[in-house]
Amino acid sequence: MKRHPYGTNVYGPTPQSISVTPIDEAQNTSSPGVVEAMHRQVTAERSKRAMFYSS
Protein backbone atom coordinates (compact mmCIF):
# COMPACT_ATOMS: atom_id res chain seq x y z
CA MET A 1 0.00 0.00 0.00
CA LYS A 2 1.43 3.33 -1.02
CA ARG A 3 1.69 5.95 1.70
CA HIS A 4 1.69 9.69 1.26
CA PRO A 5 4.85 11.41 2.55
CA TYR A 6 2.73 13.24 5.12
CA GLY A 7 1.16 10.03 6.40
CA THR A 8 -2.23 10.25 4.68
CA ASN A 9 -3.21 7.32 2.51
CA VAL A 10 -3.84 8.94 -0.88
CA TYR A 11 -4.90 5.85 -2.78
CA GLY A 12 -6.92 4.12 -0.12
CA PRO A 13 -10.52 4.73 0.98
CA THR A 14 -9.63 6.95 3.92
CA PRO A 15 -12.14 9.56 5.14
CA GLN A 16 -9.68 12.24 4.07
CA SER A 17 -9.41 11.07 0.47
CA ILE A 18 -13.19 10.64 0.26
CA SER A 19 -14.08 14.04 1.67
CA VAL A 20 -11.58 16.00 -0.42
CA THR A 21 -12.96 16.57 -3.90
CA PRO A 22 -11.12 18.15 -6.85
CA ILE A 23 -13.35 21.21 -6.49
CA ASP A 24 -12.41 21.65 -2.82
CA GLU A 25 -8.74 21.30 -3.67
CA ALA A 26 -9.00 23.79 -6.52
CA GLN A 27 -10.47 26.34 -4.13
CA ASN A 28 -7.73 25.74 -1.57
CA THR A 29 -4.75 26.15 -3.90
CA SER A 30 -3.35 28.82 -6.17
CA SER A 31 -2.25 26.31 -8.82
CA PRO A 32 -5.22 24.26 -10.10
CA GLY A 33 -2.96 22.55 -12.66
CA VAL A 34 -1.07 20.76 -9.91
CA VAL A 35 -4.27 19.57 -8.29
CA GLU A 36 -5.60 18.44 -11.64
CA ALA A 37 -2.43 16.45 -12.29
CA MET A 38 -2.60 14.90 -8.83
CA HIS A 39 -6.25 14.00 -9.29
CA ARG A 40 -5.48 12.47 -12.69
CA GLN A 41 -2.69 10.40 -11.15
CA VAL A 42 -4.94 9.10 -8.37
CA THR A 43 -7.69 8.30 -10.87
CA ALA A 44 -5.23 6.40 -13.07
CA GLU A 45 -3.94 4.51 -10.04
CA ARG A 46 -7.48 3.51 -9.03
CA SER A 47 -8.40 2.37 -12.54
CA LYS A 48 -5.19 0.35 -12.78
CA ARG A 49 -5.97 -1.32 -9.46
CA ALA A 50 -9.55 -2.02 -10.54
CA MET A 51 -8.31 -3.61 -13.76
CA PHE A 52 -5.81 -5.68 -11.78
CA TYR A 53 -8.46 -7.05 -9.44
CA SER A 54 -11.04 -7.71 -12.16
CA SER A 55 -8.67 -9.71 -14.38
PDB file of N, CA and C in Angstrom:
ATOM      1  N   MET A   1       0.845  -1.203   0.000  1.00  0.00           N
ATOM      2  CA  MET A   1       0.000   0.000   0.000  1.00  0.00           C
ATOM      3  C   MET A   1       0.874   1.245   0.000  1.00  0.00           C
ATOM      4  N   LYS A   2       0.626   2.113  -0.933  1.00  0.00           N
ATOM      5  CA  LYS A   2       1.426   3.333  -1.018  1.00  0.00           C
ATOM      6  C   LYS A   2       1.000   4.316   0.065  1.00  0.00           C
ATOM      7  N   ARG A   3       1.978   4.975   0.649  1.00  0.00           N
ATOM      8  CA  ARG A   3       1.694   5.950   1.695  1.00  0.00           C
ATOM      9  C   ARG A   3       2.130   7.331   1.236  1.00  0.00           C
ATOM     10  N   HIS A   4       1.332   8.315   1.563  1.00  0.00           N
ATOM     11  CA  HIS A   4       1.686   9.693   1.255  1.00  0.00           C
ATOM     12  C   HIS A   4       2.809  10.127   2.189  1.00  0.00           C
ATOM     13  N   PRO A   5       3.736  10.967   1.698  1.00  0.00           N
ATOM     14  CA  PRO A   5       4.849  11.414   2.549  1.00  0.00           C
ATOM     15  C   PRO A   5       4.386  12.010   3.876  1.00  0.00           C
ATOM     16  N   TYR A   6       3.202  12.607   3.897  1.00  0.00           N
ATOM     17  CA  TYR A   6       2.726  13.238   5.121  1.00  0.00           C
ATOM     18  C   TYR A   6       1.926  12.280   5.986  1.00  0.00           C
ATOM     19  N   GLY A   7       1.805  11.025   5.565  1.00  0.00           N
ATOM     20  CA  GLY A   7       1.158  10.034   6.404  1.00  0.00           C
ATOM     21  C   GLY A   7      -0.280   9.746   6.012  1.00  0.00           C
ATOM     22  N   THR A   8      -0.857  10.526   5.100  1.00  0.00           N
ATOM     23  CA  THR A   8      -2.229  10.248   4.683  1.00  0.00           C
ATOM     24  C   THR A   8      -2.212   9.258   3.532  1.00  0.00           C
ATOM     25  N   ASN A   9      -3.156   8.350   3.533  1.00  0.00           N
ATOM     26  CA  ASN A   9      -3.210   7.323   2.505  1.00  0.00           C
ATOM     27  C   ASN A   9      -3.967   7.878   1.303  1.00  0.00           C
ATOM     28  N   VAL A  10      -3.223   8.249   0.254  1.00  0.00           N
ATOM     29  CA  VAL A  10      -3.837   8.938  -0.877  1.00  0.00           C
ATOM     30  C   VAL A  10      -4.701   7.981  -1.687  1.00  0.00           C
ATOM     31  N   TYR A  11      -4.222   6.746  -1.858  1.00  0.00           N
ATOM     32  CA  TYR A  11      -4.895   5.846  -2.782  1.00  0.00           C
ATOM     33  C   TYR A  11      -5.977   5.011  -2.119  1.00  0.00           C
ATOM     34  N   GLY A  12      -5.971   4.966  -0.813  1.00  0.00           N
ATOM     35  CA  GLY A  12      -6.922   4.115  -0.120  1.00  0.00           C
ATOM     36  C   GLY A  12      -8.193   4.851   0.238  1.00  0.00           C
ATOM     37  N   PRO A  13      -9.225   4.118   0.645  1.00  0.00           N
ATOM     38  CA  PRO A  13     -10.516   4.731   0.975  1.00  0.00           C
ATOM     39  C   PRO A  13     -10.522   5.323   2.378  1.00  0.00           C
ATOM     40  N   THR A  14      -9.645   6.293   2.623  1.00  0.00           N
ATOM     41  CA  THR A  14      -9.631   6.948   3.922  1.00  0.00           C
ATOM     42  C   THR A  14     -10.643   8.076   3.916  1.00  0.00           C
ATOM     43  N   PRO A  15     -11.172   8.452   5.080  1.00  0.00           N
ATOM     44  CA  PRO A  15     -12.137   9.560   5.142  1.00  0.00           C
ATOM     45  C   PRO A  15     -11.592  10.828   4.497  1.00  0.00           C
ATOM     46  N   GLN A  16     -10.271  11.037   4.624  1.00  0.00           N
ATOM     47  CA  GLN A  16      -9.677  12.243   4.074  1.00  0.00           C
ATOM     48  C   GLN A  16      -9.774  12.241   2.546  1.00  0.00           C
ATOM     49  N   SER A  17      -9.419  11.111   1.927  1.00  0.00           N
ATOM     50  CA  SER A  17      -9.409  11.073   0.468  1.00  0.00           C
ATOM     51  C   SER A  17     -10.829  11.104  -0.087  1.00  0.00           C
ATOM     52  N   ILE A  18     -11.804  10.627   0.722  1.00  0.00           N
ATOM     53  CA  ILE A  18     -13.187  10.637   0.255  1.00  0.00           C
ATOM     54  C   ILE A  18     -13.774  12.044   0.342  1.00  0.00           C
ATOM     55  N   SER A  19     -13.448  12.744   1.434  1.00  0.00           N
ATOM     56  CA  SER A  19     -14.081  14.037   1.670  1.00  0.00           C
ATOM     57  C   SER A  19     -13.482  15.138   0.802  1.00  0.00           C
ATOM     58  N   VAL A  20     -12.233  14.968   0.381  1.00  0.00           N
ATOM     59  CA  VAL A  20     -11.577  16.002  -0.416  1.00  0.00           C
ATOM     60  C   VAL A  20     -11.883  15.764  -1.888  1.00  0.00           C
ATOM     61  N   THR A  21     -12.622  16.680  -2.488  1.00  0.00           N
ATOM     62  CA  THR A  21     -12.960  16.575  -3.902  1.00  0.00           C
ATOM     63  C   THR A  21     -12.063  17.494  -4.708  1.00  0.00           C
ATOM     64  N   PRO A  22     -11.934  17.266  -6.008  1.00  0.00           N
ATOM     65  CA  PRO A  22     -11.115  18.146  -6.846  1.00  0.00           C
ATOM     66  C   PRO A  22     -11.548  19.605  -6.749  1.00  0.00           C
ATOM     67  N   ILE A  23     -12.854  19.834  -6.574  1.00  0.00           N
ATOM     68  CA  ILE A  23     -13.351  21.210  -6.489  1.00  0.00           C
ATOM     69  C   ILE A  23     -12.850  21.860  -5.199  1.00  0.00           C
ATOM     70  N   ASP A  24     -12.916  21.115  -4.096  1.00  0.00           N
ATOM     71  CA  ASP A  24     -12.414  21.645  -2.824  1.00  0.00           C
ATOM     72  C   ASP A  24     -10.933  21.986  -2.933  1.00  0.00           C
ATOM     73  N   GLU A  25     -10.172  21.081  -3.546  1.00  0.00           N
ATOM     74  CA  GLU A  25      -8.739  21.305  -3.670  1.00  0.00           C
ATOM     75  C   GLU A  25      -8.461  22.511  -4.547  1.00  0.00           C
ATOM     76  N   ALA A  26      -9.224  22.662  -5.616  1.00  0.00           N
ATOM     77  CA  ALA A  26      -9.002  23.788  -6.521  1.00  0.00           C
ATOM     78  C   ALA A  26      -9.243  25.114  -5.815  1.00  0.00           C
ATOM     79  N   GLN A  27     -10.191  25.113  -4.871  1.00  0.00           N
ATOM     80  CA  GLN A  27     -10.473  26.340  -4.130  1.00  0.00           C
ATOM     81  C   GLN A  27      -9.398  26.613  -3.085  1.00  0.00           C
ATOM     82  N   ASN A  28      -8.704  25.581  -2.653  1.00  0.00           N
ATOM     83  CA  ASN A  28      -7.733  25.740  -1.571  1.00  0.00           C
ATOM     84  C   ASN A  28      -6.318  25.975  -2.075  1.00  0.00           C
ATOM     85  N   THR A  29      -6.106  26.002  -3.383  1.00  0.00           N
ATOM     86  CA  THR A  29      -4.752  26.145  -3.903  1.00  0.00           C
ATOM     87  C   THR A  29      -4.713  27.239  -4.941  1.00  0.00           C
ATOM     88  N   SER A  30      -3.512  27.762  -5.175  1.00  0.00           N
ATOM     89  CA  SER A  30      -3.350  28.818  -6.174  1.00  0.00           C
ATOM     90  C   SER A  30      -2.913  28.240  -7.518  1.00  0.00           C
ATOM     91  N   SER A  31      -2.685  26.927  -7.570  1.00  0.00           N
ATOM     92  CA  SER A  31      -2.250  26.305  -8.818  1.00  0.00           C
ATOM     93  C   SER A  31      -3.133  25.107  -9.143  1.00  0.00           C
ATOM     94  N   PRO A  32      -4.285  25.346  -9.784  1.00  0.00           N
ATOM     95  CA  PRO A  32      -5.223  24.256 -10.098  1.00  0.00           C
ATOM     96  C   PRO A  32      -4.587  23.174 -10.972  1.00  0.00           C
ATOM     97  N   GLY A  33      -3.599  23.535 -11.789  1.00  0.00           N
ATOM     98  CA  GLY A  33      -2.963  22.549 -12.662  1.00  0.00           C
ATOM     99  C   GLY A  33      -2.315  21.424 -11.870  1.00  0.00           C
ATOM    100  N   VAL A  34      -1.712  21.780 -10.741  1.00  0.00           N
ATOM    101  CA  VAL A  34      -1.066  20.764  -9.909  1.00  0.00           C
ATOM    102  C   VAL A  34      -2.103  19.819  -9.330  1.00  0.00           C
ATOM    103  N   VAL A  35      -3.197  20.392  -8.858  1.00  0.00           N
ATOM    104  CA  VAL A  35      -4.269  19.573  -8.290  1.00  0.00           C
ATOM    105  C   VAL A  35      -4.860  18.665  -9.357  1.00  0.00           C
ATOM    106  N   GLU A  36      -5.035  19.222 -10.552  1.00  0.00           N
ATOM    107  CA  GLU A  36      -5.597  18.436 -11.645  1.00  0.00           C
ATOM    108  C   GLU A  36      -4.685  17.264 -11.980  1.00  0.00           C
ATOM    109  N   ALA A  37      -3.384  17.516 -12.006  1.00  0.00           N
ATOM    110  CA  ALA A  37      -2.426  16.449 -12.292  1.00  0.00           C
ATOM    111  C   ALA A  37      -2.447  15.390 -11.192  1.00  0.00           C
ATOM    112  N   MET A  38      -2.527  15.840  -9.940  1.00  0.00           N
ATOM    113  CA  MET A  38      -2.596  14.895  -8.826  1.00  0.00           C
ATOM    114  C   MET A  38      -3.856  14.049  -8.907  1.00  0.00           C
ATOM    115  N   HIS A  39      -4.984  14.718  -9.202  1.00  0.00           N
ATOM    116  CA  HIS A  39      -6.250  14.002  -9.289  1.00  0.00           C
ATOM    117  C   HIS A  39      -6.207  12.983 -10.425  1.00  0.00           C
ATOM    118  N   ARG A  40      -5.585  13.377 -11.554  1.00  0.00           N
ATOM    119  CA  ARG A  40      -5.482  12.470 -12.690  1.00  0.00           C
ATOM    120  C   ARG A  40      -4.628  11.262 -12.321  1.00  0.00           C
ATOM    121  N   GLN A  41      -3.565  11.492 -11.555  1.00  0.00           N
ATOM    122  CA  GLN A  41      -2.692  10.395 -11.150  1.00  0.00           C
ATOM    123  C   GLN A  41      -3.432   9.422 -10.242  1.00  0.00           C
ATOM    124  N   VAL A  42      -4.188   9.953  -9.288  1.00  0.00           N
ATOM    125  CA  VAL A  42      -4.940   9.099  -8.370  1.00  0.00           C
ATOM    126  C   VAL A  42      -5.999   8.310  -9.132  1.00  0.00           C
ATOM    127  N   THR A  43      -6.666   8.972 -10.077  1.00  0.00           N
ATOM    128  CA  THR A  43      -7.690   8.298 -10.870  1.00  0.00           C
ATOM    129  C   THR A  43      -7.078   7.168 -11.689  1.00  0.00           C
ATOM    130  N   ALA A  44      -5.911   7.431 -12.285  1.00  0.00           N
ATOM    131  CA  ALA A  44      -5.229   6.400 -13.068  1.00  0.00           C
ATOM    132  C   ALA A  44      -4.828   5.232 -12.176  1.00  0.00           C
ATOM    133  N   GLU A  45      -4.353   5.550 -10.982  1.00  0.00           N
ATOM    134  CA  GLU A  45      -3.944   4.505 -10.042  1.00  0.00           C
ATOM    135  C   GLU A  45      -5.139   3.635  -9.656  1.00  0.00           C
ATOM    136  N   ARG A  46      -6.281   4.261  -9.415  1.00  0.00           N
ATOM    137  CA  ARG A  46      -7.478   3.507  -9.028  1.00  0.00           C
ATOM    138  C   ARG A  46      -7.961   2.628 -10.180  1.00  0.00           C
ATOM    139  N   SER A  47      -7.928   3.163 -11.410  1.00  0.00           N
ATOM    140  CA  SER A  47      -8.401   2.373 -12.542  1.00  0.00           C
ATOM    141  C   SER A  47      -7.450   1.213 -12.811  1.00  0.00           C
ATOM    142  N   LYS A  48      -6.148   1.434 -12.617  1.00  0.00           N
ATOM    143  CA  LYS A  48      -5.187   0.347 -12.781  1.00  0.00           C
ATOM    144  C   LYS A  48      -5.454  -0.746 -11.762  1.00  0.00           C
ATOM    145  N   ARG A  49      -5.725  -0.342 -10.516  1.00  0.00           N
ATOM    146  CA  ARG A  49      -5.970  -1.316  -9.457  1.00  0.00           C
ATOM    147  C   ARG A  49      -7.265  -2.072  -9.723  1.00  0.00           C
ATOM    148  N   ALA A  50      -8.274  -1.368 -10.226  1.00  0.00           N
ATOM    149  CA  ALA A  50      -9.547  -2.019 -10.536  1.00  0.00           C
ATOM    150  C   ALA A  50      -9.364  -3.042 -11.654  1.00  0.00           C
ATOM    151  N   MET A  51      -8.569  -2.673 -12.662  1.00  0.00           N
ATOM    152  CA  MET A  51      -8.314  -3.607 -13.757  1.00  0.00           C
ATOM    153  C   MET A  51      -7.551  -4.822 -13.246  1.00  0.00           C
ATOM    154  N   PHE A  52      -6.618  -4.590 -12.324  1.00  0.00           N
ATOM    155  CA  PHE A  52      -5.815  -5.681 -11.782  1.00  0.00           C
ATOM    156  C   PHE A  52      -6.690  -6.675 -11.027  1.00  0.00           C
ATOM    157  N   TYR A  53      -7.615  -6.169 -10.238  1.00  0.00           N
ATOM    158  CA  TYR A  53      -8.465  -7.050  -9.443  1.00  0.00           C
ATOM    159  C   TYR A  53      -9.513  -7.761 -10.295  1.00  0.00           C
ATOM    160  N   SER A  54      -9.966  -7.114 -11.369  1.00  0.00           N
ATOM    161  CA  SER A  54     -11.043  -7.708 -12.161  1.00  0.00           C
ATOM    162  C   SER A  54     -10.519  -8.771 -13.115  1.00  0.00           C
ATOM    163  N   SER A  55      -9.217  -8.748 -13.424  1.00  0.00           N
ATOM    164  CA  SER A  55      -8.672  -9.712 -14.381  1.00  0.00           C
ATOM    165  C   SER A  55      -8.475 -11.070 -13.723  1.00  0.00           C
TER     166      SER A  55
END
